[in-house]
């Protein structure tokens, strides 16, 4: 593991970067600002490595404008309707940052804070543990929440994310990572040639504001069906702008199971995602429009990357029909997501 300083925030907090590597050439760089995955070097079928995640060259660009490139997202990933919820008879009003709604933890979510960091040894190798104290009332949430995220790389070419949190008051909690992937390389254009398979027979429909309706429907016979390997290009003409959908993973609650598999025919790179979470949000970079110049002067056009965000259902605090996301004092929140890479 290697540590270096990446820069300083506007209030003069130092931001460090930690580099994790394995013997096969897999290399991840993680930043303490936002818990952001800055880069991920992955070998292709010739053994040549390329950075497969979108992002910026410098800290100031992440601070100035970041569409959640590589970030840890919380306290609540995705949306909470009308930026409010009621818990134990008390209404809590959150910071609205997407119209009337609350998105990805608010104006200053976990993606915009500096985490403390220390080396973490796991049973699979060495990693980096990030820690953040979210204070009672931050963005409107109740409770002092201690959140830990461990990034680690294994010799099986896995990037593992282990999350843990504790609180002193009941609070909703839903964490994810918002990395934009392009398995051909972050600077290689769009991801339309990628082949996707999502282990989900069902999805959660949303309204025009991307708030779940509370229904669960089958994907069978629709353009949302990725239960078999499907080239993204063959489906995009059927979509108004692209995919931004909540898939209900075929799994038993709490078990570590396959969520998705993605293959890039040009490089041979394949990524599998295992998770303990019940859903995965599939997003195809619909809002990228060429206005962002990223690493190596790459211009990110529409669909330049995709996200597969493992998480709980959006708006669960207002939807009793969804699994509870309330963390209580004395309990420990834990979840794991594994990104596994190989060529075929």
C-alpha atoms as a PDB file:
ATOM      1  CA  UNK A   1       0.000   0.000   0.000  1.00  0.00           C
ATOM      2  CA  UNK A   2       1.276   3.450  -0.958  1.00  0.00           C
ATOM      3  CA  UNK A   3       0.109   6.796   0.485  1.00  0.00           C
ATOM      4  CA  UNK A   4       0.469  10.289  -1.009  1.00  0.00           C
ATOM      5  CA  UNK A   5      -1.143  13.710  -0.650  1.00  0.00           C
ATOM      6  CA  UNK A   6      -3.612  14.595  -3.410  1.00  0.00           C
ATOM      7  CA  UNK A   7      -4.356  18.166  -2.342  1.00  0.00           C
ATOM      8  CA  UNK A   8      -6.234  20.311   0.155  1.00  0.00           C
ATOM      9  CA  UNK A   9      -9.883  21.223   0.466  1.00  0.00           C
ATOM     10  CA  UNK A  10     -11.049  24.833   0.497  1.00  0.00           C
ATOM     11  CA  UNK A  11     -11.026  24.750   4.304  1.00  0.00           C
ATOM     12  CA  UNK A  12      -7.429  23.465   4.213  1.00  0.00           C
ATOM     13  CA  UNK A  13      -8.050  19.828   5.082  1.00  0.00           C
ATOM     14  CA  UNK A  14      -5.442  17.495   3.617  1.00  0.00           C
ATOM     15  CA  UNK A  15      -6.690  14.828   1.234  1.00  0.00           C
ATOM     16  CA  UNK A  16      -4.648  11.662   0.819  1.00  0.00           C
ATOM     17  CA  UNK A  17      -4.653   8.932  -1.798  1.00  0.00           C
ATOM     18  CA  UNK A  18      -3.925   5.287  -1.039  1.00  0.00           C
ATOM     19  CA  UNK A  19      -2.853   2.834  -3.737  1.00  0.00           C
ATOM     20  CA  UNK A  20      -3.590  -0.886  -3.411  1.00  0.00           C
ATOM     21  CA  UNK A  21      -2.107  -3.450  -5.802  1.00  0.00           C
ATOM     22  CA  UNK A  22      -1.906  -7.193  -6.340  1.00  0.00           C
ATOM     23  CA  UNK A  23       0.516  -9.423  -8.253  1.00  0.00           C
ATOM     24  CA  UNK A  24      -1.729  -9.635 -11.323  1.00  0.00           C
ATOM     25  CA  UNK A  25      -1.634  -5.895 -12.031  1.00  0.00           C
ATOM     26  CA  UNK A  26      -4.962  -4.901 -10.490  1.00  0.00           C
ATOM     27  CA  UNK A  27      -4.432  -1.495  -8.888  1.00  0.00           C
ATOM     28  CA  UNK A  28      -6.902   0.767  -7.087  1.00  0.00           C
ATOM     29  CA  UNK A  29      -6.374   4.348  -5.917  1.00  0.00           C
ATOM     30  CA  UNK A  30      -8.729   5.556  -3.163  1.00  0.00           C
ATOM     31  CA  UNK A  31      -9.056   9.164  -1.982  1.00  0.00           C
ATOM     32  CA  UNK A  32     -10.052  10.258   1.518  1.00  0.00           C
ATOM     33  CA  UNK A  33     -12.279  13.008   0.049  1.00  0.00           C
ATOM     34  CA  UNK A  34     -15.636  11.328  -0.517  1.00  0.00           C
ATOM     35  CA  UNK A  35     -14.115   7.863  -0.134  1.00  0.00           C
ATOM     36  CA  UNK A  36     -13.695   8.139  -3.890  1.00  0.00           C
ATOM     37  CA  UNK A  37     -12.275   5.382  -6.084  1.00  0.00           C
ATOM     38  CA  UNK A  38      -9.999   7.566  -8.204  1.00  0.00           C
ATOM     39  CA  UNK A  39      -8.779   4.894 -10.588  1.00  0.00           C
ATOM     40  CA  UNK A  40      -8.875   1.157 -11.121  1.00  0.00           C
ATOM     41  CA  UNK A  41      -6.255  -0.396 -13.393  1.00  0.00           C
ATOM     42  CA  UNK A  42      -7.449  -3.750 -14.782  1.00  0.00           C
ATOM     43  CA  UNK A  43      -5.596  -6.047 -17.250  1.00  0.00           C
ATOM     44  CA  UNK A  44      -7.140  -6.894 -20.629  1.00  0.00           C
ATOM     45  CA  UNK A  45      -6.793 -10.266 -22.378  1.00  0.00           C
ATOM     46  CA  UNK A  46      -3.230  -9.315 -23.475  1.00  0.00           C
ATOM     47  CA  UNK A  47      -2.288  -8.410 -19.895  1.00  0.00           C
ATOM     48  CA  UNK A  48      -2.231  -4.685 -20.668  1.00  0.00           C
ATOM     49  CA  UNK A  49      -3.773  -2.584 -17.893  1.00  0.00           C
ATOM     50  CA  UNK A  50      -6.106   0.347 -18.373  1.00  0.00           C
ATOM     51  CA  UNK A  51      -8.028   2.591 -15.999  1.00  0.00           C
ATOM     52  CA  UNK A  52     -11.670   1.508 -16.186  1.00  0.00           C
ATOM     53  CA  UNK A  53     -13.359   4.147 -13.985  1.00  0.00           C
ATOM     54  CA  UNK A  54     -14.336   7.701 -14.895  1.00  0.00           C
ATOM     55  CA  UNK A  55     -12.980  10.615 -12.892  1.00  0.00           C
ATOM     56  CA  UNK A  56     -10.830  13.736 -12.751  1.00  0.00           C
ATOM     57  CA  UNK A  57      -7.120  14.545 -12.675  1.00  0.00           C
ATOM     58  CA  UNK A  58      -7.215  16.785  -9.606  1.00  0.00           C
ATOM     59  CA  UNK A  59      -9.030  17.411  -6.345  1.00  0.00           C
ATOM     60  CA  UNK A  60     -10.401  20.812  -7.303  1.00  0.00           C
ATOM     61  CA  UNK A  61     -12.477  19.310 -10.111  1.00  0.00           C
ATOM     62  CA  UNK A  62     -14.014  16.796  -7.692  1.00  0.00           C
ATOM     63  CA  UNK A  63     -14.869  19.634  -5.310  1.00  0.00           C
ATOM     64  CA  UNK A  64     -16.170  21.979  -8.016  1.00  0.00           C
ATOM     65  CA  UNK A  65     -18.520  19.501  -9.695  1.00  0.00           C
ATOM     66  CA  UNK A  66     -18.710  15.747  -9.333  1.00  0.00           C
ATOM     67  CA  UNK A  67     -21.618  13.615 -10.581  1.00  0.00           C
ATOM     68  CA  UNK A  68     -20.648  11.160  -7.814  1.00  0.00           C
ATOM     69  CA  UNK A  69     -17.676   9.714  -9.755  1.00  0.00           C
ATOM     70  CA  UNK A  70     -16.340   6.854  -7.613  1.00  0.00           C
ATOM     71  CA  UNK A  71     -17.883   8.147  -4.380  1.00  0.00           C
ATOM     72  CA  UNK A  72     -19.191   6.513  -1.239  1.00  0.00           C
ATOM     73  CA  UNK A  73     -22.796   7.705  -1.048  1.00  0.00           C
ATOM     74  CA  UNK A  74     -24.752   8.230   2.204  1.00  0.00           C
ATOM     75  CA  UNK A  75     -26.400   8.594   4.613  1.00  0.00           C
ATOM     76  CA  UNK A  76     -29.058   7.509   2.195  1.00  0.00           C
ATOM     77  CA  UNK A  77     -28.196   6.477  -1.350  1.00  0.00           C
ATOM     78  CA  UNK A  78     -30.803   7.292  -3.978  1.00  0.00           C
ATOM     79  CA  UNK A  79     -33.949   9.287  -3.182  1.00  0.00           C
ATOM     80  CA  UNK A  80     -36.201  10.079  -0.240  1.00  0.00           C
ATOM     81  CA  UNK A  81     -39.478  11.621  -1.396  1.00  0.00           C
ATOM     82  CA  UNK A  82     -40.232  15.204  -0.403  1.00  0.00           C
ATOM     83  CA  UNK A  83     -37.015  15.150   1.690  1.00  0.00           C
ATOM     84  CA  UNK A  84     -38.852  13.950   4.781  1.00  0.00           C
ATOM     85  CA  UNK A  85     -39.763  10.828   6.718  1.00  0.00           C
ATOM     86  CA  UNK A  86     -41.432   9.965  10.024  1.00  0.00           C
ATOM     87  CA  UNK A  87     -39.716   7.750  12.580  1.00  0.00           C
ATOM     88  CA  UNK A  88     -41.200   6.813  15.969  1.00  0.00           C
ATOM     89  CA  UNK A  89     -43.807   9.532  15.567  1.00  0.00           C
ATOM     90  CA  UNK A  90     -41.301  12.302  14.790  1.00  0.00           C
ATOM     91  CA  UNK A  91     -41.092  13.900  11.342  1.00  0.00           C
ATOM     92  CA  UNK A  92     -37.570  14.576  10.113  1.00  0.00           C
ATOM     93  CA  UNK A  93     -36.967  17.076   7.340  1.00  0.00           C
ATOM     94  CA  UNK A  94     -33.894  16.437   5.228  1.00  0.00           C
ATOM     95  CA  UNK A  95     -32.029  18.787   2.917  1.00  0.00           C
ATOM     96  CA  UNK A  96     -33.772  18.855  -0.473  1.00  0.00           C
ATOM     97  CA  UNK A  97     -31.188  18.834  -3.268  1.00  0.00           C
ATOM     98  CA  UNK A  98     -33.160  17.476  -6.230  1.00  0.00           C
ATOM     99  CA  UNK A  99     -36.203  19.686  -6.483  1.00  0.00           C
ATOM    100  CA  UNK A 100     -38.374  18.868  -3.456  1.00  0.00           C
ATOM    101  CA  UNK A 101     -36.593  15.547  -2.941  1.00  0.00           C
ATOM    102  CA  UNK A 102     -33.485  14.347  -1.116  1.00  0.00           C
ATOM    103  CA  UNK A 103     -30.815  12.592  -3.211  1.00  0.00           C
ATOM    104  CA  UNK A 104     -27.670  10.701  -2.142  1.00  0.00           C
ATOM    105  CA  UNK A 105     -27.415  12.193   1.341  1.00  0.00           C
ATOM    106  CA  UNK A 106     -28.139  15.825   0.496  1.00  0.00           C
ATOM    107  CA  UNK A 107     -26.041  18.867  -0.336  1.00  0.00           C
ATOM    108  CA  UNK A 108     -23.084  17.677   1.735  1.00  0.00           C
ATOM    109  CA  UNK A 109     -23.378  13.933   1.735  1.00  0.00           C
ATOM    110  CA  UNK A 110     -20.638  11.394   2.432  1.00  0.00           C
ATOM    111  CA  UNK A 111     -19.250  12.028  -1.070  1.00  0.00           C
ATOM    112  CA  UNK A 112     -18.231  15.583  -0.073  1.00  0.00           C
ATOM    113  CA  UNK A 113     -16.489  15.063   3.274  1.00  0.00           C
ATOM    114  CA  UNK A 114     -12.938  14.070   4.204  1.00  0.00           C
ATOM    115  CA  UNK A 115     -12.728  10.629   5.790  1.00  0.00           C
ATOM    116  CA  UNK A 116      -9.962   9.586   8.165  1.00  0.00           C
ATOM    117  CA  UNK A 117      -7.914   6.602   6.985  1.00  0.00           C
ATOM    118  CA  UNK A 118      -5.744   3.826   8.308  1.00  0.00           C
ATOM    119  CA  UNK A 119      -4.338   0.549   7.038  1.00  0.00           C
ATOM    120  CA  UNK A 120      -6.677  -2.409   7.421  1.00  0.00           C
ATOM    121  CA  UNK A 121      -5.607  -6.022   7.306  1.00  0.00           C
ATOM    122  CA  UNK A 122      -8.295  -8.436   6.151  1.00  0.00           C
ATOM    123  CA  UNK A 123      -8.247 -12.202   5.806  1.00  0.00           C
ATOM    124  CA  UNK A 124      -7.835 -11.653   2.060  1.00  0.00           C
ATOM    125  CA  UNK A 125      -4.978  -9.141   2.162  1.00  0.00           C
ATOM    126  CA  UNK A 126      -4.253  -5.505   2.913  1.00  0.00           C
ATOM    127  CA  UNK A 127      -6.735  -2.687   2.514  1.00  0.00           C
ATOM    128  CA  UNK A 128      -7.558   0.826   3.607  1.00  0.00           C
ATOM    129  CA  UNK A 129     -10.221   1.640   6.197  1.00  0.00           C
ATOM    130  CA  UNK A 130     -12.046   4.951   5.900  1.00  0.00           C
ATOM    131  CA  UNK A 131     -13.935   6.339   8.901  1.00  0.00           C
ATOM    132  CA  UNK A 132     -16.407   9.225   9.132  1.00  0.00           C
ATOM    133  CA  UNK A 133     -18.530  10.561  12.004  1.00  0.00           C
ATOM    134  CA  UNK A 134     -21.803  11.938  10.711  1.00  0.00           C
ATOM    135  CA  UNK A 135     -23.092  14.105  13.534  1.00  0.00           C
ATOM    136  CA  UNK A 136     -26.636  14.236  14.837  1.00  0.00           C
ATOM    137  CA  UNK A 137     -28.664  16.571  12.610  1.00  0.00           C
ATOM    138  CA  UNK A 138     -26.312  16.463   9.626  1.00  0.00           C
ATOM    139  CA  UNK A 139     -28.445  17.063   6.506  1.00  0.00           C
ATOM    140  CA  UNK A 140     -31.435  16.544   8.812  1.00  0.00           C
ATOM    141  CA  UNK A 141     -30.702  12.962   9.897  1.00  0.00           C
ATOM    142  CA  UNK A 142     -31.030  11.870  13.548  1.00  0.00           C
ATOM    143  CA  UNK A 143     -28.177  10.317  15.508  1.00  0.00           C
ATOM    144  CA  UNK A 144     -24.413  10.395  15.639  1.00  0.00           C
ATOM    145  CA  UNK A 145     -23.389   7.789  13.083  1.00  0.00           C
ATOM    146  CA  UNK A 146     -19.924   6.234  12.903  1.00  0.00           C
ATOM    147  CA  UNK A 147     -19.417   4.826   9.422  1.00  0.00           C
ATOM    148  CA  UNK A 148     -16.507   2.661   8.238  1.00  0.00           C
ATOM    149  CA  UNK A 149     -15.678   1.517   4.719  1.00  0.00           C
ATOM    150  CA  UNK A 150     -12.829  -0.883   3.957  1.00  0.00           C
ATOM    151  CA  UNK A 151     -11.453  -1.064   0.419  1.00  0.00           C
ATOM    152  CA  UNK A 152      -9.273  -4.107  -0.234  1.00  0.00           C
ATOM    153  CA  UNK A 153      -7.799  -5.942  -3.225  1.00  0.00           C
ATOM    154  CA  UNK A 154      -7.309  -9.698  -3.333  1.00  0.00           C
ATOM    155  CA  UNK A 155      -5.073 -11.964  -5.394  1.00  0.00           C
ATOM    156  CA  UNK A 156      -8.265 -13.271  -7.011  1.00  0.00           C
ATOM    157  CA  UNK A 157      -8.522  -9.902  -8.809  1.00  0.00           C
ATOM    158  CA  UNK A 158     -11.310  -8.660  -6.582  1.00  0.00           C
ATOM    159  CA  UNK A 159     -11.995  -5.171  -5.323  1.00  0.00           C
ATOM    160  CA  UNK A 160     -13.918  -5.632  -2.071  1.00  0.00           C
ATOM    161  CA  UNK A 161     -15.921  -2.987  -0.214  1.00  0.00           C
ATOM    162  CA  UNK A 162     -16.974  -3.758   3.349  1.00  0.00           C
ATOM    163  CA  UNK A 163     -19.262  -1.270   5.087  1.00  0.00           C
ATOM    164  CA  UNK A 164     -20.014  -1.004   8.800  1.00  0.00           C
ATOM    165  CA  UNK A 165     -21.886   1.594  10.864  1.00  0.00           C
ATOM    166  CA  UNK A 166     -23.250   2.256  14.363  1.00  0.00           C
ATOM    167  CA  UNK A 167     -25.578   4.964  15.682  1.00  0.00           C
ATOM    168  CA  UNK A 168     -26.777   6.371  19.000  1.00  0.00           C
ATOM    169  CA  UNK A 169     -30.306   7.113  17.690  1.00  0.00           C
ATOM    170  CA  UNK A 170     -32.508   5.245  15.214  1.00  0.00           C
ATOM    171  CA  UNK A 171     -31.701   6.513  11.723  1.00  0.00           C
ATOM    172  CA  UNK A 172     -32.243   5.429   8.115  1.00  0.00           C
ATOM    173  CA  UNK A 173     -29.055   4.225   6.449  1.00  0.00           C
ATOM    174  CA  UNK A 174     -28.400   3.106   2.883  1.00  0.00           C
ATOM    175  CA  UNK A 175     -24.821   3.144   1.614  1.00  0.00           C
ATOM    176  CA  UNK A 176     -23.418   2.452  -1.841  1.00  0.00           C
ATOM    177  CA  UNK A 177     -20.528   3.220  -4.158  1.00  0.00           C
ATOM    178  CA  UNK A 178     -21.243   5.309  -7.247  1.00  0.00           C
ATOM    179  CA  UNK A 179     -18.340   4.408  -9.547  1.00  0.00           C
ATOM    180  CA  UNK A 180     -18.861   4.903 -13.285  1.00  0.00           C
ATOM    181  CA  UNK A 181     -17.224   1.987 -15.127  1.00  0.00           C
ATOM    182  CA  UNK A 182     -16.119   1.602 -18.724  1.00  0.00           C
ATOM    183  CA  UNK A 183     -14.395  -1.766 -19.114  1.00  0.00           C
ATOM    184  CA  UNK A 184     -12.778  -0.729 -22.404  1.00  0.00           C
ATOM    185  CA  UNK A 185     -11.086   2.160 -20.558  1.00  0.00           C
ATOM    186  CA  UNK A 186     -12.442   5.382 -19.126  1.00  0.00           C
ATOM    187  CA  UNK A 187     -11.341   7.311 -22.233  1.00  0.00           C
ATOM    188  CA  UNK A 188     -12.621   4.853 -24.870  1.00  0.00           C
ATOM    189  CA  UNK A 189     -16.000   6.383 -25.721  1.00  0.00           C
ATOM    190  CA  UNK A 190     -19.399   4.959 -24.826  1.00  0.00           C
ATOM    191  CA  UNK A 191     -20.302   1.609 -23.248  1.00  0.00           C
ATOM    192  CA  UNK A 192     -22.938   0.616 -25.810  1.00  0.00           C
ATOM    193  CA  UNK A 193     -20.899  -2.394 -26.978  1.00  0.00           C
ATOM    194  CA  UNK A 194     -20.758  -3.832 -23.435  1.00  0.00           C
ATOM    195  CA  UNK A 195     -22.763  -6.978 -22.749  1.00  0.00           C
ATOM    196  CA  UNK A 196     -24.844  -6.871 -19.539  1.00  0.00           C
ATOM    197  CA  UNK A 197     -26.462  -9.578 -17.480  1.00  0.00           C
ATOM    198  CA  UNK A 198     -28.391  -8.588 -14.342  1.00  0.00           C
ATOM    199  CA  UNK A 199     -29.484 -11.314 -11.938  1.00  0.00           C
ATOM    200  CA  UNK A 200     -32.954  -9.883 -11.416  1.00  0.00           C
ATOM    201  CA  UNK A 201     -36.380 -11.079 -12.577  1.00  0.00           C
ATOM    202  CA  UNK A 202     -38.085  -8.008 -11.095  1.00  0.00           C
ATOM    203  CA  UNK A 203     -37.698  -4.256 -10.839  1.00  0.00           C
ATOM    204  CA  UNK A 204     -39.243  -1.394  -8.874  1.00  0.00           C
ATOM    205  CA  UNK A 205     -41.131   1.089 -11.089  1.00  0.00           C
ATOM    206  CA  UNK A 206     -40.695   4.810 -10.386  1.00  0.00           C
ATOM    207  CA  UNK A 207     -42.592   8.003 -11.130  1.00  0.00           C
ATOM    208  CA  UNK A 208     -41.377  10.953 -13.202  1.00  0.00           C
ATOM    209  CA  UNK A 209     -39.175  12.059 -10.296  1.00  0.00           C
ATOM    210  CA  UNK A 210     -37.564   8.601  -9.989  1.00  0.00           C
ATOM    211  CA  UNK A 211     -39.389   7.933  -6.708  1.00  0.00           C
ATOM    212  CA  UNK A 212     -40.585   4.303  -6.363  1.00  0.00           C
ATOM    213  CA  UNK A 213     -44.316   3.757  -6.692  1.00  0.00           C
ATOM    214  CA  UNK A 214     -44.150   0.874  -4.221  1.00  0.00           C
ATOM    215  CA  UNK A 215     -44.905  -1.740  -6.867  1.00  0.00           C
ATOM    216  CA  UNK A 216     -42.639  -4.605  -7.876  1.00  0.00           C
ATOM    217  CA  UNK A 217     -43.004  -5.826 -11.473  1.00  0.00           C
ATOM    218  CA  UNK A 218     -41.498  -8.494 -13.681  1.00  0.00           C
ATOM    219  CA  UNK A 219     -38.884  -7.593 -16.294  1.00  0.00           C
ATOM    220  CA  UNK A 220     -40.012 -10.451 -18.523  1.00  0.00           C
ATOM    221  CA  UNK A 221     -40.891  -9.383 -22.045  1.00  0.00           C
ATOM    222  CA  UNK A 222     -39.674  -5.816 -21.545  1.00  0.00           C
ATOM    223  CA  UNK A 223     -36.613  -3.753 -22.467  1.00  0.00           C
ATOM    224  CA  UNK A 224     -35.567  -4.048 -18.796  1.00  0.00           C
ATOM    225  CA  UNK A 225     -34.904  -7.781 -19.081  1.00  0.00           C
ATOM    226  CA  UNK A 226     -31.159  -8.477 -18.741  1.00  0.00           C
ATOM    227  CA  UNK A 227     -31.531 -11.963 -17.299  1.00  0.00           C
ATOM    228  CA  UNK A 228     -29.593 -13.194 -20.347  1.00  0.00           C
ATOM    229  CA  UNK A 229     -26.395 -11.563 -21.701  1.00  0.00           C
ATOM    230  CA  UNK A 230     -27.515  -8.594 -23.780  1.00  0.00           C
ATOM    231  CA  UNK A 231     -25.546  -6.011 -25.752  1.00  0.00           C
ATOM    232  CA  UNK A 232     -26.550  -2.578 -24.499  1.00  0.00           C
ATOM    233  CA  UNK A 233     -26.657  -1.110 -28.028  1.00  0.00           C
ATOM    234  CA  UNK A 234     -29.480  -3.470 -28.962  1.00  0.00           C
ATOM    235  CA  UNK A 235     -31.689  -1.951 -26.271  1.00  0.00           C
ATOM    236  CA  UNK A 236     -30.926   1.763 -26.211  1.00  0.00           C
ATOM    237  CA  UNK A 237     -33.219   2.587 -29.123  1.00  0.00           C
ATOM    238  CA  UNK A 238     -36.097   1.330 -26.962  1.00  0.00           C
ATOM    239  CA  UNK A 239     -35.279   3.725 -24.113  1.00  0.00           C
ATOM    240  CA  UNK A 240     -36.081   7.440 -24.009  1.00  0.00           C
ATOM    241  CA  UNK A 241     -32.743   8.458 -22.500  1.00  0.00           C
ATOM    242  CA  UNK A 242     -31.141   5.300 -21.116  1.00  0.00           C
ATOM    243  CA  UNK A 243     -31.320   3.164 -18.010  1.00  0.00           C
ATOM    244  CA  UNK A 244     -31.765   4.472 -14.468  1.00  0.00           C
ATOM    245  CA  UNK A 245     -33.665   1.574 -12.922  1.00  0.00           C
ATOM    246  CA  UNK A 246     -33.896  -0.342  -9.648  1.00  0.00           C
ATOM    247  CA  UNK A 247     -33.473  -4.086 -10.067  1.00  0.00           C
ATOM    248  CA  UNK A 248     -34.513  -6.526  -7.325  1.00  0.00           C
ATOM    249  CA  UNK A 249     -31.727  -9.099  -7.150  1.00  0.00           C
ATOM    250  CA  UNK A 250     -32.655 -12.797  -7.168  1.00  0.00           C
ATOM    251  CA  UNK A 251     -31.357 -13.727  -3.726  1.00  0.00           C
ATOM    252  CA  UNK A 252     -32.180 -14.535  -0.130  1.00  0.00           C
ATOM    253  CA  UNK A 253     -32.047 -11.499   2.189  1.00  0.00           C
ATOM    254  CA  UNK A 254     -28.598 -10.795   3.562  1.00  0.00           C
ATOM    255  CA  UNK A 255     -26.749 -13.417   1.523  1.00  0.00           C
ATOM    256  CA  UNK A 256     -23.750 -12.608  -0.669  1.00  0.00           C
ATOM    257  CA  UNK A 257     -25.027 -13.261  -4.185  1.00  0.00           C
ATOM    258  CA  UNK A 258     -24.345 -12.371  -7.793  1.00  0.00           C
ATOM    259  CA  UNK A 259     -25.973  -9.096  -8.814  1.00  0.00           C
ATOM    260  CA  UNK A 260     -24.606  -8.552 -12.316  1.00  0.00           C
ATOM    261  CA  UNK A 261     -22.022  -9.500 -14.908  1.00  0.00           C
ATOM    262  CA  UNK A 262     -20.643  -7.136 -17.550  1.00  0.00           C
ATOM    263  CA  UNK A 263     -18.347  -8.019 -20.478  1.00  0.00           C
ATOM    264  CA  UNK A 264     -16.467  -5.782 -22.903  1.00  0.00           C
ATOM    265  CA  UNK A 265     -15.796  -7.734 -26.126  1.00  0.00           C
ATOM    266  CA  UNK A 266     -13.022  -5.385 -27.312  1.00  0.00           C
ATOM    267  CA  UNK A 267     -10.743  -5.819 -24.286  1.00  0.00           C
ATOM    268  CA  UNK A 268     -12.045  -9.143 -23.014  1.00  0.00           C
ATOM    269  CA  UNK A 269     -12.516  -7.609 -19.562  1.00  0.00           C
ATOM    270  CA  UNK A 270     -15.371  -9.045 -17.537  1.00  0.00           C
ATOM    271  CA  UNK A 271     -16.665  -7.773 -14.205  1.00  0.00           C
ATOM    272  CA  UNK A 272     -18.919  -9.682 -11.827  1.00  0.00           C
ATOM    273  CA  UNK A 273     -20.560  -7.988  -8.855  1.00  0.00           C
ATOM    274  CA  UNK A 274     -21.543  -9.882  -5.712  1.00  0.00           C
ATOM    275  CA  UNK A 275     -23.428  -8.127  -2.929  1.00  0.00           C
ATOM    276  CA  UNK A 276     -25.364  -8.617   0.285  1.00  0.00           C
ATOM    277  CA  UNK A 277     -27.754  -5.798  -0.738  1.00  0.00           C
ATOM    278  CA  UNK A 278     -31.283  -6.479  -2.055  1.00  0.00           C
ATOM    279  CA  UNK A 279     -31.225  -4.200  -5.112  1.00  0.00           C
ATOM    280  CA  UNK A 280     -28.902  -2.738  -7.709  1.00  0.00           C
ATOM    281  CA  UNK A 281     -29.453   0.550  -9.520  1.00  0.00           C
ATOM    282  CA  UNK A 282     -28.441   0.291 -13.187  1.00  0.00           C
ATOM    283  CA  UNK A 283     -27.507   3.705 -14.603  1.00  0.00           C
ATOM    284  CA  UNK A 284     -26.029   4.348 -18.040  1.00  0.00           C
ATOM    285  CA  UNK A 285     -24.520   7.814 -17.608  1.00  0.00           C
ATOM    286  CA  UNK A 286     -27.501   9.527 -19.219  1.00  0.00           C
ATOM    287  CA  UNK A 287     -26.614  12.968 -17.837  1.00  0.00           C
ATOM    288  CA  UNK A 288     -23.065  13.010 -19.183  1.00  0.00           C
ATOM    289  CA  UNK A 289     -23.145  15.471 -22.072  1.00  0.00           C
ATOM    290  CA  UNK A 290     -19.579  16.302 -23.091  1.00  0.00           C
ATOM    291  CA  UNK A 291     -19.257  19.179 -20.630  1.00  0.00           C
ATOM    292  CA  UNK A 292     -16.908  17.202 -18.340  1.00  0.00           C
ATOM    293  CA  UNK A 293     -13.230  16.815 -19.160  1.00  0.00           C
ATOM    294  CA  UNK A 294     -11.861  14.009 -17.066  1.00  0.00           C
ATOM    295  CA  UNK A 295      -8.593  12.177 -16.553  1.00  0.00           C
ATOM    296  CA  UNK A 296      -6.083  12.466 -19.352  1.00  0.00           C
ATOM    297  CA  UNK A 297      -8.227  15.166 -21.037  1.00  0.00           C
ATOM    298  CA  UNK A 298     -10.918  12.597 -21.839  1.00  0.00           C
ATOM    299  CA  UNK A 299     -14.276  14.203 -22.657  1.00  0.00           C
ATOM    300  CA  UNK A 300     -17.138  12.204 -21.191  1.00  0.00           C
ATOM    301  CA  UNK A 301     -20.055  12.098 -23.579  1.00  0.00           C
ATOM    302  CA  UNK A 302     -23.424  10.477 -22.995  1.00  0.00           C
ATOM    303  CA  UNK A 303     -23.179   6.820 -21.898  1.00  0.00           C
ATOM    304  CA  UNK A 304     -19.407   7.093 -21.385  1.00  0.00           C
ATOM    305  CA  UNK A 305     -19.799   4.962 -18.266  1.00  0.00           C
ATOM    306  CA  UNK A 306     -22.274   2.803 -16.407  1.00  0.00           C
ATOM    307  CA  UNK A 307     -23.050   2.412 -12.708  1.00  0.00           C
ATOM    308  CA  UNK A 308     -24.285  -0.668 -10.889  1.00  0.00           C
ATOM    309  CA  UNK A 309     -25.019   0.687  -7.416  1.00  0.00           C
ATOM    310  CA  UNK A 310     -25.735  -2.063  -4.885  1.00  0.00           C
ATOM    311  CA  UNK A 311     -28.101  -0.713  -2.254  1.00  0.00           C
ATOM    312  CA  UNK A 312     -31.498  -0.878  -0.536  1.00  0.00           C
ATOM    313  CA  UNK A 313     -34.708   0.369  -2.110  1.00  0.00           C
ATOM    314  CA  UNK A 314     -35.042   4.138  -2.549  1.00  0.00           C
ATOM    315  CA  UNK A 315     -37.516   5.929  -0.270  1.00  0.00           C
ATOM    316  CA  UNK A 316     -37.732   2.951   2.111  1.00  0.00           C
ATOM    317  CA  UNK A 317     -38.297   5.217   5.162  1.00  0.00           C
ATOM    318  CA  UNK A 318     -41.622   6.190   3.547  1.00  0.00           C
ATOM    319  CA  UNK A 319     -42.438   2.751   2.133  1.00  0.00           C
ATOM    320  CA  UNK A 320     -43.359   0.123   4.754  1.00  0.00           C
ATOM    321  CA  UNK A 321     -43.752  -2.431   1.953  1.00  0.00           C
ATOM    322  CA  UNK A 322     -39.969  -2.281   1.375  1.00  0.00           C
ATOM    323  CA  UNK A 323     -37.389  -3.855   3.736  1.00  0.00           C
ATOM    324  CA  UNK A 324     -36.545  -1.564   6.643  1.00  0.00           C
ATOM    325  CA  UNK A 325     -33.393   0.553   6.423  1.00  0.00           C
ATOM    326  CA  UNK A 326     -33.577   1.817  10.020  1.00  0.00           C
ATOM    327  CA  UNK A 327     -30.379   1.268  12.018  1.00  0.00           C
ATOM    328  CA  UNK A 328     -30.994   1.186  15.773  1.00  0.00           C
ATOM    329  CA  UNK A 329     -28.630   1.814  18.694  1.00  0.00           C
ATOM    330  CA  UNK A 330     -26.865  -1.346  19.774  1.00  0.00           C
ATOM    331  CA  UNK A 331     -27.071  -2.820  16.262  1.00  0.00           C
ATOM    332  CA  UNK A 332     -24.334  -2.839  13.625  1.00  0.00           C
ATOM    333  CA  UNK A 333     -24.974  -2.134   9.951  1.00  0.00           C
ATOM    334  CA  UNK A 334     -22.894  -4.374   7.698  1.00  0.00           C
ATOM    335  CA  UNK A 335     -22.836  -4.928   3.985  1.00  0.00           C
ATOM    336  CA  UNK A 336     -20.346  -6.195   1.419  1.00  0.00           C
ATOM    337  CA  UNK A 337     -19.946  -5.704  -2.309  1.00  0.00           C
ATOM    338  CA  UNK A 338     -17.268  -7.450  -4.387  1.00  0.00           C
ATOM    339  CA  UNK A 339     -16.162  -6.473  -7.896  1.00  0.00           C
ATOM    340  CA  UNK A 340     -14.409  -9.441  -9.548  1.00  0.00           C
ATOM    341  CA  UNK A 341     -12.397  -9.039 -12.766  1.00  0.00           C
ATOM    342  CA  UNK A 342     -11.192 -11.552 -15.355  1.00  0.00           C
ATOM    343  CA  UNK A 343     -10.911 -11.893 -19.132  1.00  0.00           C
ATOM    344  CA  UNK A 344     -12.802 -14.092 -21.538  1.00  0.00           C
END
